[in-house]
Amino acid sequence: MSKLASRSALYGLAAPGRYGKPDGDAGATIAERTGLGLATVAVRKGQDDDLKSSVRDNYGVELPEGSTMAQGKDMSFIGTGPGQWLVVSGSLGHETLAEELATTLRGLASISDQSSGRAVIRISGPRARDVLAKGLSIDLDPRVFGAGGAATSTISHMGVLVWREGTGEHYDVALFRSVSESFWRWLTAFAAEFGYEVVTGS
């Protein structure tokens, strides 16, 4: 029996090219981050210290407290609530990430694979912050929302998780695949003012 192939959340929507304002450099670049491994980690009762120790020993990172991101070996941990994190990996794709975490953190945390349930879109470029500011009710000023910043919020009534990986002018937005088409229409409508380019990959 042939294995079903994974399909992009933006299949049929995100055609590469330049859109919106035609003159000058594109103010924003938009790319879906495909092939990622995504998983949620929720600490089990009474296992806080042991979970932190295991993550530190196995992945070389201190579990972030609050809405921040910490980059470890092969994966990043993003705080989404008390004792909860979204883990993102570019090298451990799809369900491989959840399987790795479930094995390593057995008995310490509950793991749930999110790879097929969420889409991650990267918005970068000199006007990326201006585009997102049209829908986010959080302060994206780099002095407030700098490298490693993360926030759970809404855009046009859609739940999103936004974070900054590194110091570059780019933002990653994770959302449920079920609203990816609505989010895409919102994003491209508000990016058009600055001119935007859709590219494949991130």
N, C-alpha and C. Protein backbone atom coordinates (compact mmCIF):
# COMPACT_ATOMS: atom_id res chain seq x y z
N MET A 1 0.84 -1.18 0.00
CA MET A 1 0.00 0.00 0.00
C MET A 1 0.88 1.24 0.00
N SER A 2 0.61 2.18 -0.88
CA SER A 2 1.42 3.39 -0.98
C SER A 2 1.12 4.32 0.19
N LYS A 3 2.15 5.03 0.64
CA LYS A 3 2.01 5.95 1.75
C LYS A 3 1.47 7.27 1.24
N LEU A 4 0.49 7.82 1.96
CA LEU A 4 -0.09 9.10 1.56
C LEU A 4 0.94 10.21 1.74
N ALA A 5 1.03 11.10 0.77
CA ALA A 5 1.98 12.21 0.82
C ALA A 5 1.36 13.39 1.57
N SER A 6 2.19 14.08 2.34
CA SER A 6 1.74 15.27 3.05
C SER A 6 1.53 16.42 2.07
N ARG A 7 0.46 17.17 2.25
CA ARG A 7 0.17 18.30 1.36
C ARG A 7 0.27 19.60 2.13
N SER A 8 0.85 20.61 1.50
CA SER A 8 0.99 21.92 2.11
C SER A 8 -0.37 22.46 2.55
N ALA A 9 -0.38 23.16 3.67
CA ALA A 9 -1.61 23.79 4.15
C ALA A 9 -2.09 24.87 3.20
N LEU A 10 -1.16 25.42 2.40
CA LEU A 10 -1.50 26.50 1.48
C LEU A 10 -1.53 26.01 0.03
N TYR A 11 -1.72 24.72 -0.14
CA TYR A 11 -1.78 24.14 -1.49
C TYR A 11 -2.88 24.83 -2.30
N GLY A 12 -2.51 25.31 -3.47
CA GLY A 12 -3.45 25.98 -4.34
C GLY A 12 -3.66 27.46 -4.03
N LEU A 13 -3.02 27.95 -2.97
CA LEU A 13 -3.18 29.35 -2.58
C LEU A 13 -1.90 30.16 -2.78
N ALA A 14 -0.79 29.61 -2.30
CA ALA A 14 0.47 30.36 -2.25
C ALA A 14 1.30 30.10 -3.50
N ALA A 15 1.00 30.81 -4.57
CA ALA A 15 1.77 30.68 -5.80
C ALA A 15 2.95 31.64 -5.75
N PRO A 16 4.18 31.16 -5.96
CA PRO A 16 5.35 32.04 -5.92
C PRO A 16 5.21 33.20 -6.89
N GLY A 17 5.70 34.37 -6.46
CA GLY A 17 5.65 35.54 -7.33
C GLY A 17 5.56 36.82 -6.52
N ARG A 18 5.54 37.94 -7.25
CA ARG A 18 5.45 39.28 -6.65
C ARG A 18 4.01 39.76 -6.76
N TYR A 19 3.49 40.34 -5.66
CA TYR A 19 2.10 40.77 -5.61
C TYR A 19 1.98 42.14 -4.94
N GLY A 20 0.80 42.73 -5.07
CA GLY A 20 0.53 44.00 -4.42
C GLY A 20 1.25 45.14 -5.11
N LYS A 21 1.71 46.10 -4.34
CA LYS A 21 2.42 47.26 -4.86
C LYS A 21 3.54 46.80 -5.80
N PRO A 22 3.51 47.25 -7.08
CA PRO A 22 4.44 46.68 -8.06
C PRO A 22 5.82 47.32 -8.09
N ASP A 23 5.94 48.55 -7.59
CA ASP A 23 7.22 49.25 -7.74
C ASP A 23 8.05 49.14 -6.46
N GLY A 24 9.38 49.24 -6.66
CA GLY A 24 10.29 49.17 -5.53
C GLY A 24 10.49 47.76 -5.02
N ASP A 25 11.33 47.65 -4.01
CA ASP A 25 11.58 46.34 -3.41
C ASP A 25 10.35 45.87 -2.64
N ALA A 26 10.17 44.57 -2.58
CA ALA A 26 9.06 44.01 -1.82
C ALA A 26 9.23 44.34 -0.34
N GLY A 27 8.16 44.79 0.28
CA GLY A 27 8.23 45.12 1.70
C GLY A 27 8.21 43.89 2.59
N ALA A 28 7.65 42.79 2.09
CA ALA A 28 7.56 41.57 2.88
C ALA A 28 7.74 40.35 1.99
N THR A 29 8.30 39.33 2.58
CA THR A 29 8.43 38.03 1.92
C THR A 29 7.67 37.02 2.76
N ILE A 30 6.87 36.21 2.09
CA ILE A 30 6.01 35.25 2.79
C ILE A 30 6.36 33.84 2.32
N ALA A 31 6.56 32.93 3.27
CA ALA A 31 6.88 31.55 2.93
C ALA A 31 6.26 30.62 3.95
N GLU A 32 5.65 29.55 3.47
CA GLU A 32 5.19 28.52 4.39
C GLU A 32 6.39 27.65 4.76
N ARG A 33 6.55 27.37 6.04
CA ARG A 33 7.63 26.49 6.50
C ARG A 33 7.11 25.06 6.48
N THR A 34 7.47 24.33 5.46
CA THR A 34 6.96 22.97 5.30
C THR A 34 7.95 21.95 5.84
N GLY A 35 7.46 20.76 6.11
CA GLY A 35 8.32 19.66 6.56
C GLY A 35 8.75 19.74 8.01
N LEU A 36 8.18 20.68 8.76
CA LEU A 36 8.55 20.82 10.17
C LEU A 36 7.94 19.70 11.02
N GLY A 37 8.60 19.42 12.12
CA GLY A 37 8.00 18.62 13.17
C GLY A 37 7.44 19.57 14.21
N LEU A 38 6.20 19.35 14.62
CA LEU A 38 5.55 20.19 15.62
C LEU A 38 4.93 19.27 16.68
N ALA A 39 5.14 19.59 17.93
CA ALA A 39 4.57 18.77 19.00
C ALA A 39 4.35 19.64 20.24
N THR A 40 3.30 19.32 20.99
CA THR A 40 3.09 20.00 22.26
C THR A 40 3.62 19.12 23.39
N VAL A 41 4.16 19.79 24.39
CA VAL A 41 4.69 19.13 25.58
C VAL A 41 3.98 19.73 26.79
N ALA A 42 3.39 18.89 27.61
CA ALA A 42 2.73 19.34 28.84
C ALA A 42 3.29 18.56 30.01
N VAL A 43 3.84 19.27 30.97
CA VAL A 43 4.48 18.60 32.11
C VAL A 43 3.44 17.83 32.92
N ARG A 44 3.83 16.66 33.41
CA ARG A 44 2.96 15.89 34.27
C ARG A 44 3.09 16.35 35.73
N LYS A 45 2.05 16.08 36.49
CA LYS A 45 1.99 16.57 37.86
C LYS A 45 3.21 16.12 38.66
N GLY A 46 3.87 17.10 39.28
CA GLY A 46 5.01 16.82 40.14
C GLY A 46 6.31 16.54 39.43
N GLN A 47 6.34 16.70 38.09
CA GLN A 47 7.54 16.36 37.32
C GLN A 47 8.28 17.59 36.77
N ASP A 48 7.94 18.76 37.28
CA ASP A 48 8.52 20.00 36.74
C ASP A 48 10.04 19.99 36.72
N ASP A 49 10.64 19.72 37.86
CA ASP A 49 12.10 19.78 37.95
C ASP A 49 12.76 18.69 37.11
N ASP A 50 12.20 17.49 37.14
CA ASP A 50 12.79 16.40 36.36
C ASP A 50 12.66 16.65 34.86
N LEU A 51 11.55 17.26 34.46
CA LEU A 51 11.38 17.58 33.04
C LEU A 51 12.41 18.62 32.60
N LYS A 52 12.58 19.65 33.39
CA LYS A 52 13.57 20.68 33.06
C LYS A 52 14.96 20.06 32.95
N SER A 53 15.29 19.19 33.88
CA SER A 53 16.60 18.55 33.88
C SER A 53 16.79 17.67 32.66
N SER A 54 15.75 16.91 32.28
CA SER A 54 15.86 16.02 31.13
C SER A 54 16.00 16.82 29.84
N VAL A 55 15.25 17.89 29.70
CA VAL A 55 15.35 18.72 28.50
C VAL A 55 16.73 19.35 28.42
N ARG A 56 17.24 19.80 29.55
CA ARG A 56 18.57 20.40 29.58
C ARG A 56 19.65 19.39 29.19
N ASP A 57 19.56 18.18 29.74
CA ASP A 57 20.58 17.16 29.49
C ASP A 57 20.52 16.62 28.05
N ASN A 58 19.30 16.45 27.53
CA ASN A 58 19.14 15.81 26.23
C ASN A 58 19.14 16.78 25.05
N TYR A 59 18.69 18.01 25.29
CA TYR A 59 18.55 18.95 24.16
C TYR A 59 19.34 20.24 24.34
N GLY A 60 20.06 20.35 25.44
CA GLY A 60 20.95 21.49 25.63
C GLY A 60 20.26 22.82 25.74
N VAL A 61 19.08 22.85 26.38
CA VAL A 61 18.33 24.10 26.46
C VAL A 61 17.57 24.15 27.78
N GLU A 62 17.44 25.35 28.31
CA GLU A 62 16.62 25.55 29.50
C GLU A 62 15.18 25.79 29.04
N LEU A 63 14.26 25.02 29.59
CA LEU A 63 12.86 25.22 29.22
C LEU A 63 12.44 26.66 29.55
N PRO A 64 11.90 27.38 28.58
CA PRO A 64 11.52 28.77 28.85
C PRO A 64 10.32 28.86 29.78
N GLU A 65 10.34 29.88 30.60
CA GLU A 65 9.20 30.17 31.46
C GLU A 65 8.46 31.36 30.86
N GLY A 66 7.18 31.25 30.71
CA GLY A 66 6.41 32.32 30.09
C GLY A 66 6.49 32.24 28.58
N SER A 67 6.02 33.29 27.93
CA SER A 67 5.93 33.32 26.46
C SER A 67 7.25 33.74 25.84
N THR A 68 8.20 32.81 25.83
CA THR A 68 9.48 33.04 25.16
C THR A 68 9.88 31.77 24.44
N MET A 69 10.90 31.89 23.60
CA MET A 69 11.39 30.75 22.84
C MET A 69 12.83 30.47 23.22
N ALA A 70 13.19 29.20 23.30
CA ALA A 70 14.57 28.79 23.57
C ALA A 70 14.97 27.76 22.53
N GLN A 71 16.12 27.99 21.89
CA GLN A 71 16.61 27.08 20.86
C GLN A 71 17.57 26.07 21.45
N GLY A 72 17.27 24.80 21.22
CA GLY A 72 18.13 23.74 21.68
C GLY A 72 18.68 22.95 20.51
N LYS A 73 19.21 21.77 20.79
CA LYS A 73 19.77 20.92 19.76
C LYS A 73 18.64 20.30 18.93
N ASP A 74 18.57 20.66 17.68
CA ASP A 74 17.60 20.11 16.73
C ASP A 74 16.18 20.61 16.91
N MET A 75 15.91 21.42 17.92
CA MET A 75 14.53 21.84 18.15
C MET A 75 14.47 23.09 19.01
N SER A 76 13.32 23.77 18.92
CA SER A 76 13.07 24.97 19.72
C SER A 76 11.84 24.74 20.59
N PHE A 77 11.89 25.25 21.81
CA PHE A 77 10.78 25.14 22.75
C PHE A 77 10.15 26.53 22.92
N ILE A 78 8.85 26.63 22.73
CA ILE A 78 8.14 27.91 22.82
C ILE A 78 7.08 27.80 23.91
N GLY A 79 7.17 28.66 24.90
CA GLY A 79 6.20 28.63 26.00
C GLY A 79 4.83 29.08 25.52
N THR A 80 3.81 28.27 25.79
CA THR A 80 2.45 28.62 25.38
C THR A 80 1.50 28.75 26.56
N GLY A 81 1.92 28.37 27.74
CA GLY A 81 1.10 28.45 28.94
C GLY A 81 1.84 27.80 30.09
N PRO A 82 1.31 27.88 31.32
CA PRO A 82 2.00 27.26 32.46
C PRO A 82 2.22 25.77 32.23
N GLY A 83 3.49 25.36 32.20
CA GLY A 83 3.81 23.96 32.04
C GLY A 83 3.53 23.39 30.66
N GLN A 84 3.43 24.27 29.65
CA GLN A 84 3.14 23.81 28.29
C GLN A 84 4.05 24.51 27.28
N TRP A 85 4.44 23.76 26.26
CA TRP A 85 5.32 24.30 25.23
C TRP A 85 4.94 23.72 23.87
N LEU A 86 5.16 24.50 22.83
CA LEU A 86 5.14 23.98 21.47
C LEU A 86 6.59 23.77 21.06
N VAL A 87 6.89 22.59 20.57
CA VAL A 87 8.26 22.27 20.14
C VAL A 87 8.27 22.23 18.62
N VAL A 88 9.27 22.89 18.03
CA VAL A 88 9.38 23.00 16.58
C VAL A 88 10.75 22.49 16.15
N SER A 89 10.76 21.66 15.12
CA SER A 89 12.04 21.13 14.62
C SER A 89 12.04 21.08 13.10
N GLY A 90 13.15 21.55 12.53
CA GLY A 90 13.33 21.45 11.09
C GLY A 90 14.02 20.18 10.67
N SER A 91 14.72 19.53 11.60
CA SER A 91 15.46 18.31 11.27
C SER A 91 14.69 17.04 11.62
N LEU A 92 13.83 17.11 12.63
CA LEU A 92 12.98 15.97 13.00
C LEU A 92 11.58 16.26 12.49
N GLY A 93 11.33 15.96 11.24
CA GLY A 93 10.10 16.35 10.59
C GLY A 93 8.92 15.48 10.93
N HIS A 94 7.72 16.08 10.79
CA HIS A 94 6.45 15.37 10.94
C HIS A 94 6.40 14.64 12.28
N GLU A 95 5.90 13.38 12.31
CA GLU A 95 5.68 12.69 13.58
C GLU A 95 6.98 12.23 14.25
N THR A 96 8.11 12.34 13.55
CA THR A 96 9.39 11.92 14.13
C THR A 96 9.72 12.71 15.39
N LEU A 97 9.38 13.98 15.40
CA LEU A 97 9.66 14.81 16.57
C LEU A 97 8.88 14.32 17.78
N ALA A 98 7.59 14.10 17.61
CA ALA A 98 6.77 13.64 18.74
C ALA A 98 7.25 12.29 19.26
N GLU A 99 7.66 11.41 18.35
CA GLU A 99 8.16 10.10 18.77
C GLU A 99 9.44 10.24 19.58
N GLU A 100 10.33 11.13 19.14
CA GLU A 100 11.58 11.36 19.87
C GLU A 100 11.31 11.92 21.26
N LEU A 101 10.42 12.90 21.35
CA LEU A 101 10.10 13.50 22.64
C LEU A 101 9.41 12.50 23.57
N ALA A 102 8.50 11.71 23.02
CA ALA A 102 7.77 10.74 23.84
C ALA A 102 8.72 9.71 24.44
N THR A 103 9.74 9.33 23.69
CA THR A 103 10.71 8.37 24.19
C THR A 103 11.62 8.99 25.25
N THR A 104 12.14 10.16 24.95
CA THR A 104 13.10 10.80 25.86
C THR A 104 12.45 11.32 27.13
N LEU A 105 11.24 11.82 27.03
CA LEU A 105 10.57 12.45 28.17
C LEU A 105 9.49 11.55 28.77
N ARG A 106 9.61 10.26 28.55
CA ARG A 106 8.62 9.31 29.05
C ARG A 106 8.42 9.45 30.56
N GLY A 107 7.16 9.57 30.97
CA GLY A 107 6.84 9.68 32.39
C GLY A 107 6.92 11.09 32.93
N LEU A 108 7.52 11.99 32.16
CA LEU A 108 7.71 13.37 32.63
C LEU A 108 6.73 14.35 32.01
N ALA A 109 6.27 14.05 30.79
CA ALA A 109 5.40 14.98 30.08
C ALA A 109 4.48 14.21 29.13
N SER A 110 3.37 14.82 28.82
CA SER A 110 2.46 14.29 27.81
C SER A 110 2.79 14.96 26.49
N ILE A 111 2.92 14.17 25.44
CA ILE A 111 3.34 14.66 24.12
C ILE A 111 2.21 14.47 23.13
N SER A 112 1.99 15.48 22.31
CA SER A 112 0.96 15.39 21.26
C SER A 112 1.53 15.91 19.95
N ASP A 113 1.48 15.08 18.92
CA ASP A 113 1.97 15.48 17.60
C ASP A 113 1.03 16.52 17.00
N GLN A 114 1.58 17.63 16.54
CA GLN A 114 0.80 18.71 15.93
C GLN A 114 1.19 18.96 14.47
N SER A 115 2.05 18.11 13.93
CA SER A 115 2.65 18.38 12.62
C SER A 115 1.62 18.49 11.50
N SER A 116 0.60 17.65 11.53
CA SER A 116 -0.39 17.69 10.46
C SER A 116 -1.57 18.59 10.78
N GLY A 117 -1.59 19.15 11.98
CA GLY A 117 -2.72 19.97 12.39
C GLY A 117 -2.48 21.46 12.33
N ARG A 118 -1.23 21.86 12.14
CA ARG A 118 -0.92 23.29 12.14
C ARG A 118 -0.07 23.65 10.93
N ALA A 119 -0.19 24.90 10.56
CA ALA A 119 0.65 25.47 9.51
C ALA A 119 1.55 26.52 10.16
N VAL A 120 2.77 26.68 9.62
CA VAL A 120 3.68 27.73 10.09
C VAL A 120 4.06 28.58 8.89
N ILE A 121 3.82 29.87 9.01
CA ILE A 121 4.10 30.81 7.93
C ILE A 121 5.12 31.83 8.42
N ARG A 122 6.16 32.05 7.65
CA ARG A 122 7.19 33.03 8.01
C ARG A 122 6.97 34.31 7.20
N ILE A 123 6.89 35.43 7.91
CA ILE A 123 6.78 36.74 7.28
C ILE A 123 8.06 37.49 7.60
N SER A 124 8.79 37.89 6.57
CA SER A 124 10.07 38.56 6.77
C SER A 124 10.15 39.81 5.90
N GLY A 125 11.22 40.58 6.08
CA GLY A 125 11.41 41.77 5.27
C GLY A 125 11.21 43.05 6.06
N PRO A 126 11.55 44.20 5.48
CA PRO A 126 11.54 45.47 6.21
C PRO A 126 10.16 45.92 6.68
N ARG A 127 9.09 45.42 6.06
CA ARG A 127 7.75 45.83 6.49
C ARG A 127 6.96 44.69 7.13
N ALA A 128 7.65 43.60 7.46
CA ALA A 128 6.97 42.46 8.07
C ALA A 128 6.25 42.86 9.35
N ARG A 129 6.93 43.65 10.18
CA ARG A 129 6.31 44.06 11.45
C ARG A 129 5.08 44.92 11.20
N ASP A 130 5.13 45.78 10.17
CA ASP A 130 3.98 46.63 9.87
C ASP A 130 2.78 45.82 9.40
N VAL A 131 3.06 44.76 8.64
CA VAL A 131 1.97 43.90 8.18
C VAL A 131 1.29 43.24 9.37
N LEU A 132 2.06 42.61 10.24
CA LEU A 132 1.49 41.90 11.38
C LEU A 132 0.82 42.84 12.37
N ALA A 133 1.35 44.05 12.49
CA ALA A 133 0.78 45.02 13.43
C ALA A 133 -0.65 45.40 13.08
N LYS A 134 -1.04 45.16 11.83
CA LYS A 134 -2.42 45.47 11.43
C LYS A 134 -3.43 44.51 12.02
N GLY A 135 -2.95 43.37 12.52
CA GLY A 135 -3.89 42.41 13.07
C GLY A 135 -3.60 41.97 14.49
N LEU A 136 -2.35 42.15 14.93
CA LEU A 136 -1.96 41.70 16.26
C LEU A 136 -2.13 42.80 17.29
N SER A 137 -2.64 42.44 18.45
CA SER A 137 -2.83 43.43 19.51
C SER A 137 -1.68 43.37 20.52
N ILE A 138 -0.47 43.08 20.03
CA ILE A 138 0.70 43.07 20.89
C ILE A 138 1.75 44.00 20.30
N ASP A 139 2.65 44.46 21.15
CA ASP A 139 3.70 45.38 20.73
C ASP A 139 4.85 44.59 20.11
N LEU A 140 5.08 44.81 18.81
CA LEU A 140 6.13 44.09 18.10
C LEU A 140 7.43 44.88 18.00
N ASP A 141 7.51 46.01 18.68
CA ASP A 141 8.75 46.78 18.68
C ASP A 141 9.89 45.87 19.14
N PRO A 142 11.02 45.85 18.40
CA PRO A 142 12.14 44.97 18.77
C PRO A 142 12.65 45.15 20.18
N ARG A 143 12.44 46.33 20.77
CA ARG A 143 12.88 46.55 22.14
C ARG A 143 11.99 45.80 23.13
N VAL A 144 10.80 45.42 22.67
CA VAL A 144 9.86 44.68 23.51
C VAL A 144 9.76 43.23 23.07
N PHE A 145 9.63 43.05 21.76
CA PHE A 145 9.46 41.71 21.18
C PHE A 145 10.71 41.40 20.36
N GLY A 146 11.77 41.10 21.07
CA GLY A 146 13.06 40.88 20.42
C GLY A 146 13.30 39.43 20.08
N ALA A 147 14.55 39.08 19.83
CA ALA A 147 14.92 37.70 19.51
C ALA A 147 14.47 36.78 20.64
N GLY A 148 13.78 35.71 20.28
CA GLY A 148 13.26 34.78 21.27
C GLY A 148 11.91 35.17 21.83
N GLY A 149 11.37 36.28 21.36
CA GLY A 149 10.05 36.70 21.81
C GLY A 149 8.98 35.77 21.26
N ALA A 150 7.92 35.56 22.03
CA ALA A 150 6.82 34.71 21.59
C ALA A 150 5.54 35.21 22.25
N ALA A 151 4.42 34.99 21.58
CA ALA A 151 3.14 35.41 22.13
C ALA A 151 2.01 34.60 21.52
N THR A 152 1.05 34.25 22.35
CA THR A 152 -0.19 33.63 21.89
C THR A 152 -1.23 34.73 21.78
N SER A 153 -1.84 34.87 20.61
CA SER A 153 -2.76 35.98 20.39
C SER A 153 -3.77 35.59 19.32
N THR A 154 -4.44 36.58 18.77
CA THR A 154 -5.39 36.36 17.68
C THR A 154 -5.13 37.37 16.57
N ILE A 155 -5.43 36.95 15.36
CA ILE A 155 -5.43 37.85 14.20
C ILE A 155 -6.75 37.61 13.48
N SER A 156 -7.53 38.66 13.36
CA SER A 156 -8.83 38.56 12.69
C SER A 156 -9.64 37.38 13.24
N HIS A 157 -9.67 37.27 14.57
CA HIS A 157 -10.43 36.24 15.29
C HIS A 157 -9.85 34.83 15.13
N MET A 158 -8.66 34.71 14.60
CA MET A 158 -8.01 33.40 14.46
C MET A 158 -6.88 33.29 15.46
N GLY A 159 -6.86 32.18 16.20
CA GLY A 159 -5.80 31.98 17.19
C GLY A 159 -4.45 31.73 16.52
N VAL A 160 -3.42 32.43 16.99
CA VAL A 160 -2.08 32.28 16.42
C VAL A 160 -1.04 32.25 17.54
N LEU A 161 0.08 31.63 17.23
CA LEU A 161 1.28 31.71 18.07
C LEU A 161 2.35 32.35 17.22
N VAL A 162 2.91 33.46 17.70
CA VAL A 162 3.90 34.22 16.94
C VAL A 162 5.22 34.20 17.71
N TRP A 163 6.33 34.00 16.99
CA TRP A 163 7.62 34.06 17.66
C TRP A 163 8.70 34.58 16.71
N ARG A 164 9.79 35.04 17.30
CA ARG A 164 10.95 35.52 16.54
C ARG A 164 12.13 34.61 16.83
N GLU A 165 12.65 34.03 15.77
CA GLU A 165 13.80 33.12 15.87
C GLU A 165 15.03 33.88 15.41
N GLY A 166 15.94 34.18 16.33
CA GLY A 166 17.12 34.95 15.96
C GLY A 166 16.83 36.44 15.89
N THR A 167 17.80 37.18 15.38
CA THR A 167 17.69 38.64 15.38
C THR A 167 17.22 39.21 14.05
N GLY A 168 17.00 38.35 13.06
CA GLY A 168 16.57 38.84 11.76
C GLY A 168 15.16 39.42 11.81
N GLU A 169 14.82 40.20 10.79
CA GLU A 169 13.50 40.82 10.73
C GLU A 169 12.52 39.82 10.12
N HIS A 170 12.23 38.79 10.88
CA HIS A 170 11.25 37.81 10.44
C HIS A 170 10.46 37.27 11.63
N TYR A 171 9.24 36.88 11.34
CA TYR A 171 8.31 36.39 12.35
C TYR A 171 7.69 35.09 11.85
N ASP A 172 7.60 34.11 12.73
CA ASP A 172 6.92 32.87 12.40
C ASP A 172 5.55 32.87 13.06
N VAL A 173 4.55 32.44 12.32
CA VAL A 173 3.18 32.40 12.82
C VAL A 173 2.65 30.98 12.66
N ALA A 174 2.26 30.35 13.77
CA ALA A 174 1.67 29.02 13.74
C ALA A 174 0.17 29.14 13.97
N LEU A 175 -0.61 28.41 13.19
CA LEU A 175 -2.06 28.44 13.30
C LEU A 175 -2.62 27.11 12.88
N PHE A 176 -3.86 26.85 13.24
CA PHE A 176 -4.48 25.59 12.85
C PHE A 176 -4.70 25.57 11.34
N ARG A 177 -4.45 24.42 10.74
CA ARG A 177 -4.62 24.27 9.29
C ARG A 177 -6.03 24.61 8.83
N SER A 178 -7.01 24.39 9.70
CA SER A 178 -8.40 24.62 9.31
C SER A 178 -8.70 26.08 8.99
N VAL A 179 -7.86 27.01 9.50
CA VAL A 179 -8.09 28.43 9.21
C VAL A 179 -7.00 29.00 8.32
N SER A 180 -6.16 28.14 7.74
CA SER A 180 -5.02 28.63 6.96
C SER A 180 -5.47 29.44 5.74
N GLU A 181 -6.55 29.03 5.09
CA GLU A 181 -7.01 29.79 3.92
C GLU A 181 -7.50 31.16 4.33
N SER A 182 -8.24 31.26 5.42
CA SER A 182 -8.72 32.56 5.90
C SER A 182 -7.55 33.45 6.31
N PHE A 183 -6.56 32.85 6.98
CA PHE A 183 -5.40 33.63 7.39
C PHE A 183 -4.62 34.12 6.17
N TRP A 184 -4.48 33.27 5.18
CA TRP A 184 -3.75 33.65 3.98
C TRP A 184 -4.41 34.84 3.29
N ARG A 185 -5.71 34.84 3.23
CA ARG A 185 -6.43 35.94 2.58
C ARG A 185 -6.25 37.23 3.39
N TRP A 186 -6.26 37.11 4.71
CA TRP A 186 -6.03 38.30 5.54
C TRP A 186 -4.61 38.81 5.31
N LEU A 187 -3.64 37.91 5.38
CA LEU A 187 -2.23 38.29 5.29
C LEU A 187 -1.92 38.97 3.96
N THR A 188 -2.34 38.38 2.87
CA THR A 188 -2.01 38.94 1.56
C THR A 188 -2.75 40.25 1.31
N ALA A 189 -3.94 40.40 1.86
CA ALA A 189 -4.67 41.67 1.70
C ALA A 189 -3.94 42.81 2.38
N PHE A 190 -3.40 42.56 3.57
CA PHE A 190 -2.75 43.63 4.31
C PHE A 190 -1.28 43.80 3.94
N ALA A 191 -0.70 42.81 3.28
CA ALA A 191 0.68 42.96 2.81
C ALA A 191 0.74 43.67 1.46
N ALA A 192 -0.37 43.71 0.75
CA ALA A 192 -0.38 44.26 -0.61
C ALA A 192 0.07 45.71 -0.64
N GLU A 193 -0.24 46.48 0.38
CA GLU A 193 0.13 47.89 0.44
C GLU A 193 1.64 48.09 0.29
N PHE A 194 2.42 47.15 0.82
CA PHE A 194 3.87 47.28 0.83
C PHE A 194 4.53 46.52 -0.32
N GLY A 195 3.75 45.74 -1.06
CA GLY A 195 4.32 44.84 -2.05
C GLY A 195 4.90 43.63 -1.34
N TYR A 196 4.55 42.44 -1.77
CA TYR A 196 5.07 41.25 -1.11
C TYR A 196 5.44 40.19 -2.13
N GLU A 197 6.35 39.34 -1.71
CA GLU A 197 6.80 38.25 -2.56
C GLU A 197 6.52 36.92 -1.87
N VAL A 198 5.92 36.00 -2.59
CA VAL A 198 5.68 34.66 -2.06
C VAL A 198 6.79 33.76 -2.57
N VAL A 199 7.44 33.06 -1.66
CA VAL A 199 8.52 32.15 -2.04
C VAL A 199 8.23 30.78 -1.44
N THR A 200 8.89 29.77 -1.96
CA THR A 200 8.73 28.42 -1.43
C THR A 200 9.82 28.18 -0.39
N GLY A 201 9.46 27.46 0.66
CA GLY A 201 10.43 27.19 1.72
C GLY A 201 10.65 28.41 2.58
N SER A 202 11.59 28.27 3.55
CA SER A 202 11.85 29.37 4.48
C SER A 202 13.35 29.56 4.68
